[in-house]
Amino acid sequence: MKIAIIGSGVFGIANGISLSHNKNNKIIMWTESDESLKRIEDTRDKYELLGGMKIPKSIKFTTSYEEALKDTDIVLIMTSAKFIDSVSKNMKPYINNKMIFVIGSKGIEQGSCRFVHEVFKDNINTKNLGVLSGPSFAIDVASMEPTALALATKNPKVFNKLKEAYKDTSIKLRRSKDLVGTELSGSIKNVIAIAAGILEGLGYKESTRAFLITESLHDIKELIYKLGGSKKSILSYAGVGDLLLTATSTKSRNYSYGMLLAKDKKKADKFLESNTVEGYYTLKSIYALIRKKKVKMPLVNLIYRIVMNDEDPNKLIEFLMKKD
């Protein structure tokens, strides 16, 4: 089957490499510019962002939506969340009713506070839609490390088709019907990862970070419920699974940013300029969302003040140790 991956970031390329192990798949990836295309082609024999891994010649790259989407069975959207609106509008002239769309982007649209799948459906109204999320660093996906992802969809055909596509890869898929809970979990975990990085930057150990993660799980579960999702989603690969991975590893740019923020604000700002730290932008959206919906989340409020308003990072420990 033909699979188009929209977005040539490291996670999109990692999934392309993984899917290429299924010889029945034909992979084509859309990238945003001629400069990006040239950079990928020049480095595909030793792609540094994936530890020098080779991008198989069977994976084709293009800057043309028409070429990427022609006769395509599955479309994986792997762009940053902020580009979902423009990308889905640009895709629209080239789609058909048989295509299956799966969103792997993490985040909530700034300004509108809408979930990514809602933004997508405003432009492309389809029942063949799913959201993919779970504990998966790009390097591990590309290296064929055993990995698990939640695929949230209300359409069983979407799940079955993706399961067929990921055959012969190292990725296990588990179905959920909760798009809101899956997407919210995949977004807010980046915010908690920043806070976990702050704790490490302050010199606190694993026990304290586990303390933070456990406290955040309760808050995330309630937020999912109040926004119309299922509390059970917190126990999914997209929930506790992704949170544990992202909030405990320096491979996470969110975690690394938090560490720098606790130690040196100027270095943290430079890191932000040269790296995509999804949690930084998601924090703005989550903060606006909970205020709009009048949901109490003191932990998120505090993380916002530390990151955006330069409040003392040590307030995080004061918050955790506060007696009920």
C-alpha atoms as a PDB file:
ATOM      1  CA  MET A   1       0.000   0.000   0.000  1.00  0.00           C
ATOM      2  CA  LYS A   2       1.101   3.582  -0.544  1.00  0.00           C
ATOM      3  CA  ILE A   3       1.749   5.597   2.622  1.00  0.00           C
ATOM      4  CA  ALA A   4       2.305   9.339   2.535  1.00  0.00           C
ATOM      5  CA  ILE A   5       4.013  10.924   5.534  1.00  0.00           C
ATOM      6  CA  ILE A   6       3.346  14.647   5.714  1.00  0.00           C
ATOM      7  CA  GLY A   7       6.240  16.257   7.555  1.00  0.00           C
ATOM      8  CA  SER A   8       9.922  15.375   7.413  1.00  0.00           C
ATOM      9  CA  GLY A   9      10.889  15.949  11.022  1.00  0.00           C
ATOM     10  CA  VAL A  10      12.888  13.316  12.821  1.00  0.00           C
ATOM     11  CA  PHE A  11       9.810  11.435  14.119  1.00  0.00           C
ATOM     12  CA  GLY A  12       8.227  11.341  10.669  1.00  0.00           C
ATOM     13  CA  ILE A  13      11.421  10.003   9.115  1.00  0.00           C
ATOM     14  CA  ALA A  14      11.769   7.443  11.919  1.00  0.00           C
ATOM     15  CA  ASN A  15       8.285   6.116  11.169  1.00  0.00           C
ATOM     16  CA  GLY A  16       9.115   6.041   7.479  1.00  0.00           C
ATOM     17  CA  ILE A  17      12.181   3.895   8.189  1.00  0.00           C
ATOM     18  CA  SER A  18      10.149   1.604  10.429  1.00  0.00           C
ATOM     19  CA  LEU A  19       7.319   1.218   7.895  1.00  0.00           C
ATOM     20  CA  SER A  20       9.831   0.472   5.122  1.00  0.00           C
ATOM     21  CA  HIS A  21      10.529  -2.889   6.794  1.00  0.00           C
ATOM     22  CA  ASN A  22       7.117  -3.989   5.508  1.00  0.00           C
ATOM     23  CA  LYS A  23       7.918  -4.741   1.868  1.00  0.00           C
ATOM     24  CA  ASN A  24       4.264  -4.224   0.917  1.00  0.00           C
ATOM     25  CA  ASN A  25       4.544  -0.536   1.844  1.00  0.00           C
ATOM     26  CA  LYS A  26       5.525   2.183  -0.583  1.00  0.00           C
ATOM     27  CA  ILE A  27       6.662   5.231   1.413  1.00  0.00           C
ATOM     28  CA  ILE A  28       6.673   8.808   0.186  1.00  0.00           C
ATOM     29  CA  MET A  29       7.405  11.773   2.445  1.00  0.00           C
ATOM     30  CA  TRP A  30       6.391  15.382   1.933  1.00  0.00           C
ATOM     31  CA  THR A  31       8.792  18.106   3.067  1.00  0.00           C
ATOM     32  CA  GLU A  32       8.128  21.824   3.118  1.00  0.00           C
ATOM     33  CA  SER A  33      10.872  23.283   0.912  1.00  0.00           C
ATOM     34  CA  ASP A  34      13.550  22.623  -1.690  1.00  0.00           C
ATOM     35  CA  GLU A  35      16.176  23.459   0.956  1.00  0.00           C
ATOM     36  CA  SER A  36      14.787  20.820   3.299  1.00  0.00           C
ATOM     37  CA  LEU A  37      14.621  18.292   0.467  1.00  0.00           C
ATOM     38  CA  LYS A  38      18.260  18.904  -0.485  1.00  0.00           C
ATOM     39  CA  ARG A  39      19.404  18.659   3.131  1.00  0.00           C
ATOM     40  CA  ILE A  40      17.717  15.287   3.542  1.00  0.00           C
ATOM     41  CA  GLU A  41      19.001  13.909   0.243  1.00  0.00           C
ATOM     42  CA  ASP A  42      22.555  15.073   0.991  1.00  0.00           C
ATOM     43  CA  THR A  43      22.579  13.369   4.412  1.00  0.00           C
ATOM     44  CA  ARG A  44      20.371  10.320   3.890  1.00  0.00           C
ATOM     45  CA  ASP A  45      23.354   7.911   3.925  1.00  0.00           C
ATOM     46  CA  LYS A  46      24.253   9.142   7.409  1.00  0.00           C
ATOM     47  CA  TYR A  47      21.345  11.027   8.935  1.00  0.00           C
ATOM     48  CA  GLU A  48      22.788  12.712  12.021  1.00  0.00           C
ATOM     49  CA  LEU A  49      19.466  13.398  13.761  1.00  0.00           C
ATOM     50  CA  LEU A  50      18.993   9.626  13.927  1.00  0.00           C
ATOM     51  CA  GLY A  51      22.488   8.815  15.129  1.00  0.00           C
ATOM     52  CA  GLY A  52      23.980   8.470  11.670  1.00  0.00           C
ATOM     53  CA  MET A  53      21.379   5.962  10.516  1.00  0.00           C
ATOM     54  CA  LYS A  54      20.808   5.460   6.797  1.00  0.00           C
ATOM     55  CA  ILE A  55      17.471   6.467   5.289  1.00  0.00           C
ATOM     56  CA  PRO A  56      16.555   3.675   2.841  1.00  0.00           C
ATOM     57  CA  LYS A  57      16.564   4.580  -0.843  1.00  0.00           C
ATOM     58  CA  SER A  58      13.072   3.094  -1.079  1.00  0.00           C
ATOM     59  CA  ILE A  59      11.712   6.127   0.807  1.00  0.00           C
ATOM     60  CA  LYS A  60      10.963   8.913  -1.628  1.00  0.00           C
ATOM     61  CA  PHE A  61      10.843  12.611  -0.684  1.00  0.00           C
ATOM     62  CA  THR A  62       8.902  15.379  -2.428  1.00  0.00           C
ATOM     63  CA  THR A  63       7.763  18.961  -1.922  1.00  0.00           C
ATOM     64  CA  SER A  64       4.570  18.309  -3.923  1.00  0.00           C
ATOM     65  CA  TYR A  65       1.309  17.560  -2.110  1.00  0.00           C
ATOM     66  CA  GLU A  66      -0.126  16.249  -5.366  1.00  0.00           C
ATOM     67  CA  GLU A  67       2.703  13.748  -5.825  1.00  0.00           C
ATOM     68  CA  ALA A  68       2.627  12.665  -2.187  1.00  0.00           C
ATOM     69  CA  LEU A  69      -1.134  12.106  -2.088  1.00  0.00           C
ATOM     70  CA  LYS A  70      -1.774  10.591  -5.513  1.00  0.00           C
ATOM     71  CA  ASP A  71      -3.192   7.031  -5.149  1.00  0.00           C
ATOM     72  CA  THR A  72      -2.337   7.072  -1.426  1.00  0.00           C
ATOM     73  CA  ASP A  73      -3.987   4.638   1.014  1.00  0.00           C
ATOM     74  CA  ILE A  74      -2.748   6.034   4.333  1.00  0.00           C
ATOM     75  CA  VAL A  75      -1.716   9.588   5.179  1.00  0.00           C
ATOM     76  CA  LEU A  76       0.366  10.055   8.350  1.00  0.00           C
ATOM     77  CA  ILE A  77       0.465  13.694   9.473  1.00  0.00           C
ATOM     78  CA  MET A  78       3.725  14.278  11.370  1.00  0.00           C
ATOM     79  CA  THR A  79       4.158  18.048  11.234  1.00  0.00           C
ATOM     80  CA  SER A  80       4.372  20.301  14.291  1.00  0.00           C
ATOM     81  CA  ALA A  81       0.916  21.000  15.727  1.00  0.00           C
ATOM     82  CA  LYS A  82       1.073  24.663  14.723  1.00  0.00           C
ATOM     83  CA  PHE A  83       1.156  23.699  11.020  1.00  0.00           C
ATOM     84  CA  ILE A  84      -1.863  21.360  11.051  1.00  0.00           C
ATOM     85  CA  ASP A  85      -4.275  24.035   9.845  1.00  0.00           C
ATOM     86  CA  SER A  86      -2.193  25.157   6.865  1.00  0.00           C
ATOM     87  CA  VAL A  87      -1.083  21.648   5.933  1.00  0.00           C
ATOM     88  CA  SER A  88      -4.614  20.204   5.978  1.00  0.00           C
ATOM     89  CA  LYS A  89      -5.881  23.108   3.838  1.00  0.00           C
ATOM     90  CA  ASN A  90      -3.085  22.506   1.311  1.00  0.00           C
ATOM     91  CA  MET A  91      -3.820  18.768   1.237  1.00  0.00           C
ATOM     92  CA  LYS A  92      -7.544  19.150   0.604  1.00  0.00           C
ATOM     93  CA  PRO A  93      -7.503  19.447  -3.229  1.00  0.00           C
ATOM     94  CA  TYR A  94      -5.703  16.101  -3.546  1.00  0.00           C
ATOM     95  CA  ILE A  95      -7.624  13.823  -1.175  1.00  0.00           C
ATOM     96  CA  ASN A  96     -10.417  11.298  -1.724  1.00  0.00           C
ATOM     97  CA  ASN A  97     -12.987   9.532   0.466  1.00  0.00           C
ATOM     98  CA  LYS A  98     -11.017   6.277   0.625  1.00  0.00           C
ATOM     99  CA  MET A  99      -7.906   7.750   2.260  1.00  0.00           C
ATOM    100  CA  ILE A 100      -7.137   7.029   5.896  1.00  0.00           C
ATOM    101  CA  PHE A 101      -5.669   9.879   7.927  1.00  0.00           C
ATOM    102  CA  VAL A 102      -3.650   9.401  11.111  1.00  0.00           C
ATOM    103  CA  ILE A 103      -2.323  12.335  13.118  1.00  0.00           C
ATOM    104  CA  GLY A 104       0.944  11.885  14.972  1.00  0.00           C
ATOM    105  CA  SER A 105       1.372  15.575  15.815  1.00  0.00           C
ATOM    106  CA  LYS A 106       1.404  16.540  19.498  1.00  0.00           C
ATOM    107  CA  GLY A 107      -0.072  19.746  20.838  1.00  0.00           C
ATOM    108  CA  ILE A 108      -3.084  22.034  21.058  1.00  0.00           C
ATOM    109  CA  GLU A 109      -3.620  24.925  18.673  1.00  0.00           C
ATOM    110  CA  GLN A 110      -2.625  28.244  20.187  1.00  0.00           C
ATOM    111  CA  GLY A 111      -5.278  30.919  20.262  1.00  0.00           C
ATOM    112  CA  SER A 112      -8.274  28.652  19.610  1.00  0.00           C
ATOM    113  CA  CYS A 113      -7.236  25.976  22.203  1.00  0.00           C
ATOM    114  CA  ARG A 114      -8.595  23.319  19.850  1.00  0.00           C
ATOM    115  CA  PHE A 115      -7.267  19.782  19.677  1.00  0.00           C
ATOM    116  CA  VAL A 116      -5.245  18.942  16.592  1.00  0.00           C
ATOM    117  CA  HIS A 117      -7.823  16.452  15.303  1.00  0.00           C
ATOM    118  CA  GLU A 118     -10.503  19.162  15.574  1.00  0.00           C
ATOM    119  CA  VAL A 119      -8.406  21.588  13.531  1.00  0.00           C
ATOM    120  CA  PHE A 120      -7.844  18.883  10.930  1.00  0.00           C
ATOM    121  CA  LYS A 121     -11.538  17.984  10.694  1.00  0.00           C
ATOM    122  CA  ASP A 122     -12.480  21.620  10.162  1.00  0.00           C
ATOM    123  CA  ASN A 123     -10.603  21.410   6.865  1.00  0.00           C
ATOM    124  CA  ILE A 124     -10.989  17.738   5.951  1.00  0.00           C
ATOM    125  CA  ASN A 125     -14.232  16.190   7.142  1.00  0.00           C
ATOM    126  CA  THR A 126     -13.600  12.460   7.227  1.00  0.00           C
ATOM    127  CA  LYS A 127     -14.647   9.425   9.258  1.00  0.00           C
ATOM    128  CA  ASN A 128     -11.347   7.722   8.386  1.00  0.00           C
ATOM    129  CA  LEU A 129      -9.375   9.497  11.108  1.00  0.00           C
ATOM    130  CA  GLY A 130      -7.120   8.407  13.938  1.00  0.00           C
ATOM    131  CA  VAL A 131      -4.645   9.856  16.433  1.00  0.00           C
ATOM    132  CA  LEU A 132      -1.337   8.071  17.095  1.00  0.00           C
ATOM    133  CA  SER A 133       0.502   8.593  20.385  1.00  0.00           C
ATOM    134  CA  GLY A 134       2.685   6.717  22.845  1.00  0.00           C
ATOM    135  CA  PRO A 135       6.143   6.274  24.388  1.00  0.00           C
ATOM    136  CA  SER A 136       8.390   6.428  21.342  1.00  0.00           C
ATOM    137  CA  PHE A 137      11.614   8.335  20.846  1.00  0.00           C
ATOM    138  CA  ALA A 138      12.394   8.692  17.147  1.00  0.00           C
ATOM    139  CA  ILE A 139      15.794   6.968  17.405  1.00  0.00           C
ATOM    140  CA  ASP A 140      14.153   3.936  19.044  1.00  0.00           C
ATOM    141  CA  VAL A 141      11.425   3.695  16.397  1.00  0.00           C
ATOM    142  CA  ALA A 142      13.978   3.887  13.585  1.00  0.00           C
ATOM    143  CA  SER A 143      16.281   1.388  15.321  1.00  0.00           C
ATOM    144  CA  MET A 144      13.467  -1.192  15.559  1.00  0.00           C
ATOM    145  CA  GLU A 145      13.374  -1.172  19.339  1.00  0.00           C
ATOM    146  CA  PRO A 146      10.137  -2.801  20.607  1.00  0.00           C
ATOM    147  CA  THR A 147       7.725   0.129  20.893  1.00  0.00           C
ATOM    148  CA  ALA A 148       4.025   0.523  21.712  1.00  0.00           C
ATOM    149  CA  LEU A 149       1.602   3.171  20.466  1.00  0.00           C
ATOM    150  CA  ALA A 150      -2.050   3.932  21.086  1.00  0.00           C
ATOM    151  CA  LEU A 151      -4.162   4.520  17.987  1.00  0.00           C
ATOM    152  CA  ALA A 152      -7.344   6.373  18.896  1.00  0.00           C
ATOM    153  CA  THR A 153     -10.081   6.093  16.301  1.00  0.00           C
ATOM    154  CA  LYS A 154     -13.821   5.576  16.209  1.00  0.00           C
ATOM    155  CA  ASN A 155     -13.492   3.644  12.961  1.00  0.00           C
ATOM    156  CA  PRO A 156     -12.223   0.028  13.257  1.00  0.00           C
ATOM    157  CA  LYS A 157     -11.202   0.118   9.580  1.00  0.00           C
ATOM    158  CA  VAL A 158      -8.585   2.766  10.439  1.00  0.00           C
ATOM    159  CA  PHE A 159      -7.069   0.579  13.146  1.00  0.00           C
ATOM    160  CA  ASN A 160      -7.022  -2.547  10.964  1.00  0.00           C
ATOM    161  CA  LYS A 161      -5.390  -0.696   8.077  1.00  0.00           C
ATOM    162  CA  LEU A 162      -2.681   0.781  10.317  1.00  0.00           C
ATOM    163  CA  LYS A 163      -2.074  -2.599  11.924  1.00  0.00           C
ATOM    164  CA  GLU A 164      -1.507  -4.014   8.441  1.00  0.00           C
ATOM    165  CA  ALA A 165       0.870  -1.168   7.563  1.00  0.00           C
ATOM    166  CA  TYR A 166       2.947  -1.631  10.721  1.00  0.00           C
ATOM    167  CA  LYS A 167       3.258  -5.385  10.170  1.00  0.00           C
ATOM    168  CA  ASP A 168       6.943  -6.437  10.175  1.00  0.00           C
ATOM    169  CA  THR A 169       7.913  -3.367  12.213  1.00  0.00           C
ATOM    170  CA  SER A 170       8.794  -3.339  15.922  1.00  0.00           C
ATOM    171  CA  ILE A 171       5.719  -1.245  16.778  1.00  0.00           C
ATOM    172  CA  LYS A 172       2.727  -2.700  18.608  1.00  0.00           C
ATOM    173  CA  LEU A 173      -0.555  -0.822  18.207  1.00  0.00           C
ATOM    174  CA  ARG A 174      -3.390  -0.837  20.723  1.00  0.00           C
ATOM    175  CA  ARG A 175      -6.734   0.671  19.850  1.00  0.00           C
ATOM    176  CA  SER A 176      -8.555   3.360  21.810  1.00  0.00           C
ATOM    177  CA  LYS A 177     -11.788   5.144  20.925  1.00  0.00           C
ATOM    178  CA  ASP A 178     -10.879   8.234  22.945  1.00  0.00           C
ATOM    179  CA  LEU A 179      -9.377  10.860  20.627  1.00  0.00           C
ATOM    180  CA  VAL A 180      -9.597  13.615  23.254  1.00  0.00           C
ATOM    181  CA  GLY A 181      -7.904  11.629  26.022  1.00  0.00           C
ATOM    182  CA  THR A 182      -5.210  10.261  23.723  1.00  0.00           C
ATOM    183  CA  GLU A 183      -4.411  13.632  22.229  1.00  0.00           C
ATOM    184  CA  LEU A 184      -4.496  15.494  25.544  1.00  0.00           C
ATOM    185  CA  SER A 185      -2.200  12.913  27.166  1.00  0.00           C
ATOM    186  CA  GLY A 186       0.256  13.176  24.290  1.00  0.00           C
ATOM    187  CA  SER A 187       0.279  16.959  24.601  1.00  0.00           C
ATOM    188  CA  ILE A 188       0.409  17.651  28.321  1.00  0.00           C
ATOM    189  CA  LYS A 189       3.130  15.076  28.991  1.00  0.00           C
ATOM    190  CA  ASN A 190       5.580  17.473  27.327  1.00  0.00           C
ATOM    191  CA  VAL A 191       4.653  20.122  29.895  1.00  0.00           C
ATOM    192  CA  ILE A 192       5.213  17.712  32.794  1.00  0.00           C
ATOM    193  CA  ALA A 193       8.534  16.687  31.216  1.00  0.00           C
ATOM    194  CA  ILE A 194       9.716  20.301  31.454  1.00  0.00           C
ATOM    195  CA  ALA A 195       8.867  20.284  35.162  1.00  0.00           C
ATOM    196  CA  ALA A 196      10.677  16.949  35.643  1.00  0.00           C
ATOM    197  CA  GLY A 197      13.733  18.420  33.925  1.00  0.00           C
ATOM    198  CA  ILE A 198      13.564  21.415  36.257  1.00  0.00           C
ATOM    199  CA  LEU A 199      13.712  19.057  39.244  1.00  0.00           C
ATOM    200  CA  GLU A 200      16.824  17.348  37.877  1.00  0.00           C
ATOM    201  CA  GLY A 201      18.370  20.731  37.109  1.00  0.00           C
ATOM    202  CA  LEU A 202      17.803  21.682  40.736  1.00  0.00           C
ATOM    203  CA  GLY A 203      19.622  18.523  41.838  1.00  0.00           C
ATOM    204  CA  TYR A 204      16.704  16.360  42.946  1.00  0.00           C
ATOM    205  CA  LYS A 205      16.782  12.603  42.384  1.00  0.00           C
ATOM    206  CA  GLU A 206      14.571   9.953  40.806  1.00  0.00           C
ATOM    207  CA  SER A 207      12.261   9.656  43.813  1.00  0.00           C
ATOM    208  CA  THR A 208      11.292  13.317  43.574  1.00  0.00           C
ATOM    209  CA  ARG A 209      10.648  13.079  39.854  1.00  0.00           C
ATOM    210  CA  ALA A 210       8.447  10.013  40.457  1.00  0.00           C
ATOM    211  CA  PHE A 211       6.616  12.111  43.052  1.00  0.00           C
ATOM    212  CA  LEU A 212       5.935  14.791  40.430  1.00  0.00           C
ATOM    213  CA  ILE A 213       4.835  12.291  37.782  1.00  0.00           C
ATOM    214  CA  THR A 214       2.382  10.597  40.156  1.00  0.00           C
ATOM    215  CA  GLU A 215       0.883  13.913  41.231  1.00  0.00           C
ATOM    216  CA  SER A 216       0.490  14.997  37.608  1.00  0.00           C
ATOM    217  CA  LEU A 217      -1.302  11.770  36.644  1.00  0.00           C
ATOM    218  CA  HIS A 218      -4.183  12.613  38.973  1.00  0.00           C
ATOM    219  CA  ASP A 219      -4.524  16.087  37.461  1.00  0.00           C
ATOM    220  CA  ILE A 220      -4.302  14.859  33.861  1.00  0.00           C
ATOM    221  CA  LYS A 221      -6.949  12.201  34.499  1.00  0.00           C
ATOM    222  CA  GLU A 222      -9.390  14.803  35.815  1.00  0.00           C
ATOM    223  CA  LEU A 223      -8.632  17.191  32.958  1.00  0.00           C
ATOM    224  CA  ILE A 224      -9.306  14.468  30.382  1.00  0.00           C
ATOM    225  CA  TYR A 225     -12.658  13.747  32.013  1.00  0.00           C
ATOM    226  CA  LYS A 226     -13.693  17.397  32.195  1.00  0.00           C
ATOM    227  CA  LEU A 227     -12.870  17.903  28.518  1.00  0.00           C
ATOM    228  CA  GLY A 228     -15.035  14.965  27.454  1.00  0.00           C
ATOM    229  CA  GLY A 229     -12.523  12.128  27.354  1.00  0.00           C
ATOM    230  CA  SER A 230     -12.267   8.871  29.281  1.00  0.00           C
ATOM    231  CA  LYS A 231     -10.361   8.670  32.571  1.00  0.00           C
ATOM    232  CA  LYS A 232      -9.121   5.239  31.455  1.00  0.00           C
ATOM    233  CA  SER A 233      -6.936   6.896  28.821  1.00  0.00           C
ATOM    234  CA  ILE A 234      -4.462   7.898  31.522  1.00  0.00           C
ATOM    235  CA  LEU A 235      -3.510   4.203  31.784  1.00  0.00           C
ATOM    236  CA  SER A 236      -2.858   3.842  28.047  1.00  0.00           C
ATOM    237  CA  TYR A 237       0.382   3.919  26.074  1.00  0.00           C
ATOM    238  CA  ALA A 238      -0.449   7.555  25.298  1.00  0.00           C
ATOM    239  CA  GLY A 239      -1.055   8.312  28.970  1.00  0.00           C
ATOM    240  CA  VAL A 240       1.226   6.935  31.658  1.00  0.00           C
ATOM    241  CA  GLY A 241       3.436   5.235  29.065  1.00  0.00           C
ATOM    242  CA  ASP A 242       4.399   8.383  27.190  1.00  0.00           C
ATOM    243  CA  LEU A 243       4.581  10.447  30.373  1.00  0.00           C
ATOM    244  CA  LEU A 244       7.054   8.034  31.980  1.00  0.00           C
ATOM    245  CA  LEU A 245       9.299   8.078  28.928  1.00  0.00           C
ATOM    246  CA  THR A 246       9.277  11.807  28.265  1.00  0.00           C
ATOM    247  CA  ALA A 247       9.564  12.906  31.883  1.00  0.00           C
ATOM    248  CA  THR A 248      12.544  10.711  32.742  1.00  0.00           C
ATOM    249  CA  SER A 249      15.005  10.963  29.859  1.00  0.00           C
ATOM    250  CA  THR A 250      17.490  13.517  28.558  1.00  0.00           C
ATOM    251  CA  LYS A 251      16.579  12.271  25.052  1.00  0.00           C
ATOM    252  CA  SER A 252      13.474  14.413  25.532  1.00  0.00           C
ATOM    253  CA  ARG A 253      14.014  18.009  24.403  1.00  0.00           C
ATOM    254  CA  ASN A 254      11.324  19.081  26.875  1.00  0.00           C
ATOM    255  CA  TYR A 255      13.191  17.436  29.749  1.00  0.00           C
ATOM    256  CA  SER A 256      16.513  18.889  28.600  1.00  0.00           C
ATOM    257  CA  TYR A 257      14.976  22.361  28.335  1.00  0.00           C
ATOM    258  CA  GLY A 258      13.663  22.076  31.915  1.00  0.00           C
ATOM    259  CA  MET A 259      17.119  21.099  33.179  1.00  0.00           C
ATOM    260  CA  LEU A 260      18.665  24.160  31.537  1.00  0.00           C
ATOM    261  CA  LEU A 261      15.891  26.420  32.796  1.00  0.00           C
ATOM    262  CA  ALA A 262      16.668  25.449  36.391  1.00  0.00           C
ATOM    263  CA  LYS A 263      20.386  26.116  35.936  1.00  0.00           C
ATOM    264  CA  ASP A 264      20.798  28.944  33.423  1.00  0.00           C
ATOM    265  CA  LYS A 265      17.906  30.888  31.858  1.00  0.00           C
ATOM    266  CA  LYS A 266      20.100  32.292  29.048  1.00  0.00           C
ATOM    267  CA  LYS A 267      21.221  28.798  27.992  1.00  0.00           C
ATOM    268  CA  ALA A 268      17.605  27.631  28.161  1.00  0.00           C
ATOM    269  CA  ASP A 269      16.548  30.468  25.851  1.00  0.00           C
ATOM    270  CA  LYS A 270      19.293  29.569  23.360  1.00  0.00           C
ATOM    271  CA  PHE A 271      18.206  25.914  23.469  1.00  0.00           C
ATOM    272  CA  LEU A 272      14.648  27.036  22.725  1.00  0.00           C
ATOM    273  CA  GLU A 273      15.833  29.007  19.689  1.00  0.00           C
ATOM    274  CA  SER A 274      17.613  26.047  18.118  1.00  0.00           C
ATOM    275  CA  ASN A 275      15.324  23.156  19.127  1.00  0.00           C
ATOM    276  CA  THR A 276      11.626  22.349  18.805  1.00  0.00           C
ATOM    277  CA  VAL A 277      10.410  22.146  22.411  1.00  0.00           C
ATOM    278  CA  GLU A 278       6.753  21.218  21.955  1.00  0.00           C
ATOM    279  CA  GLY A 279       6.048  21.479  25.684  1.00  0.00           C
ATOM    280  CA  TYR A 280       6.890  25.184  25.692  1.00  0.00           C
ATOM    281  CA  TYR A 281       4.190  25.951  23.121  1.00  0.00           C
ATOM    282  CA  THR A 282       1.746  23.390  24.512  1.00  0.00           C
ATOM    283  CA  LEU A 283       2.110  25.011  27.937  1.00  0.00           C
ATOM    284  CA  LYS A 284       0.724  28.257  26.535  1.00  0.00           C
ATOM    285  CA  SER A 285      -2.229  26.429  24.986  1.00  0.00           C
ATOM    286  CA  ILE A 286      -2.945  24.229  28.026  1.00  0.00           C
ATOM    287  CA  TYR A 287      -2.783  27.254  30.325  1.00  0.00           C
ATOM    288  CA  ALA A 288      -5.254  29.141  28.124  1.00  0.00           C
ATOM    289  CA  LEU A 289      -7.471  26.049  27.817  1.00  0.00           C
ATOM    290  CA  ILE A 290      -7.851  25.404  31.550  1.00  0.00           C
ATOM    291  CA  ARG A 291      -8.599  29.068  32.158  1.00  0.00           C
ATOM    292  CA  LYS A 292     -11.177  29.058  29.369  1.00  0.00           C
ATOM    293  CA  LYS A 293     -12.830  25.873  30.676  1.00  0.00           C
ATOM    294  CA  LYS A 294     -12.433  26.991  34.321  1.00  0.00           C
ATOM    295  CA  VAL A 295     -10.570  23.829  35.293  1.00  0.00           C
ATOM    296  CA  LYS A 296      -8.352  23.961  38.373  1.00  0.00           C
ATOM    297  CA  MET A 297      -4.830  22.709  37.676  1.00  0.00           C
ATOM    298  CA  PRO A 298      -2.458  24.394  40.160  1.00  0.00           C
ATOM    299  CA  LEU A 299       0.537  22.376  38.912  1.00  0.00           C
ATOM    300  CA  VAL A 300       0.150  23.622  35.335  1.00  0.00           C
ATOM    301  CA  ASN A 301      -0.396  27.173  36.615  1.00  0.00           C
ATOM    302  CA  LEU A 302       2.870  26.982  38.553  1.00  0.00           C
ATOM    303  CA  ILE A 303       4.845  25.512  35.639  1.00  0.00           C
ATOM    304  CA  TYR A 304       3.501  28.349  33.481  1.00  0.00           C
ATOM    305  CA  ARG A 305       4.689  30.992  35.946  1.00  0.00           C
ATOM    306  CA  ILE A 306       8.143  29.389  36.201  1.00  0.00           C
ATOM    307  CA  VAL A 307       8.604  29.047  32.423  1.00  0.00           C
ATOM    308  CA  MET A 308       6.865  32.182  31.187  1.00  0.00           C
ATOM    309  CA  ASN A 309       7.158  34.600  34.104  1.00  0.00           C
ATOM    310  CA  ASP A 310      10.586  33.634  35.497  1.00  0.00           C
ATOM    311  CA  GLU A 311       9.208  32.537  38.854  1.00  0.00           C
ATOM    312  CA  ASP A 312      11.687  30.731  41.129  1.00  0.00           C
ATOM    313  CA  PRO A 313      11.958  27.053  40.012  1.00  0.00           C
ATOM    314  CA  ASN A 314      12.250  26.053  43.685  1.00  0.00           C
ATOM    315  CA  LYS A 315       8.551  26.857  44.014  1.00  0.00           C
ATOM    316  CA  LEU A 316       7.973  23.475  42.360  1.00  0.00           C
ATOM    317  CA  ILE A 317       9.315  21.677  45.433  1.00  0.00           C
ATOM    318  CA  GLU A 318       7.323  23.934  47.747  1.00  0.00           C
ATOM    319  CA  PHE A 319       4.206  23.003  45.785  1.00  0.00           C
ATOM    320  CA  LEU A 320       4.882  19.258  45.943  1.00  0.00           C
ATOM    321  CA  MET A 321       5.611  19.336  49.681  1.00  0.00           C
ATOM    322  CA  LYS A 322       2.590  21.460  50.531  1.00  0.00           C
ATOM    323  CA  LYS A 323       0.435  19.675  53.136  1.00  0.00           C
ATOM    324  CA  ASP A 324      -3.129  18.932  52.061  1.00  0.00           C
END
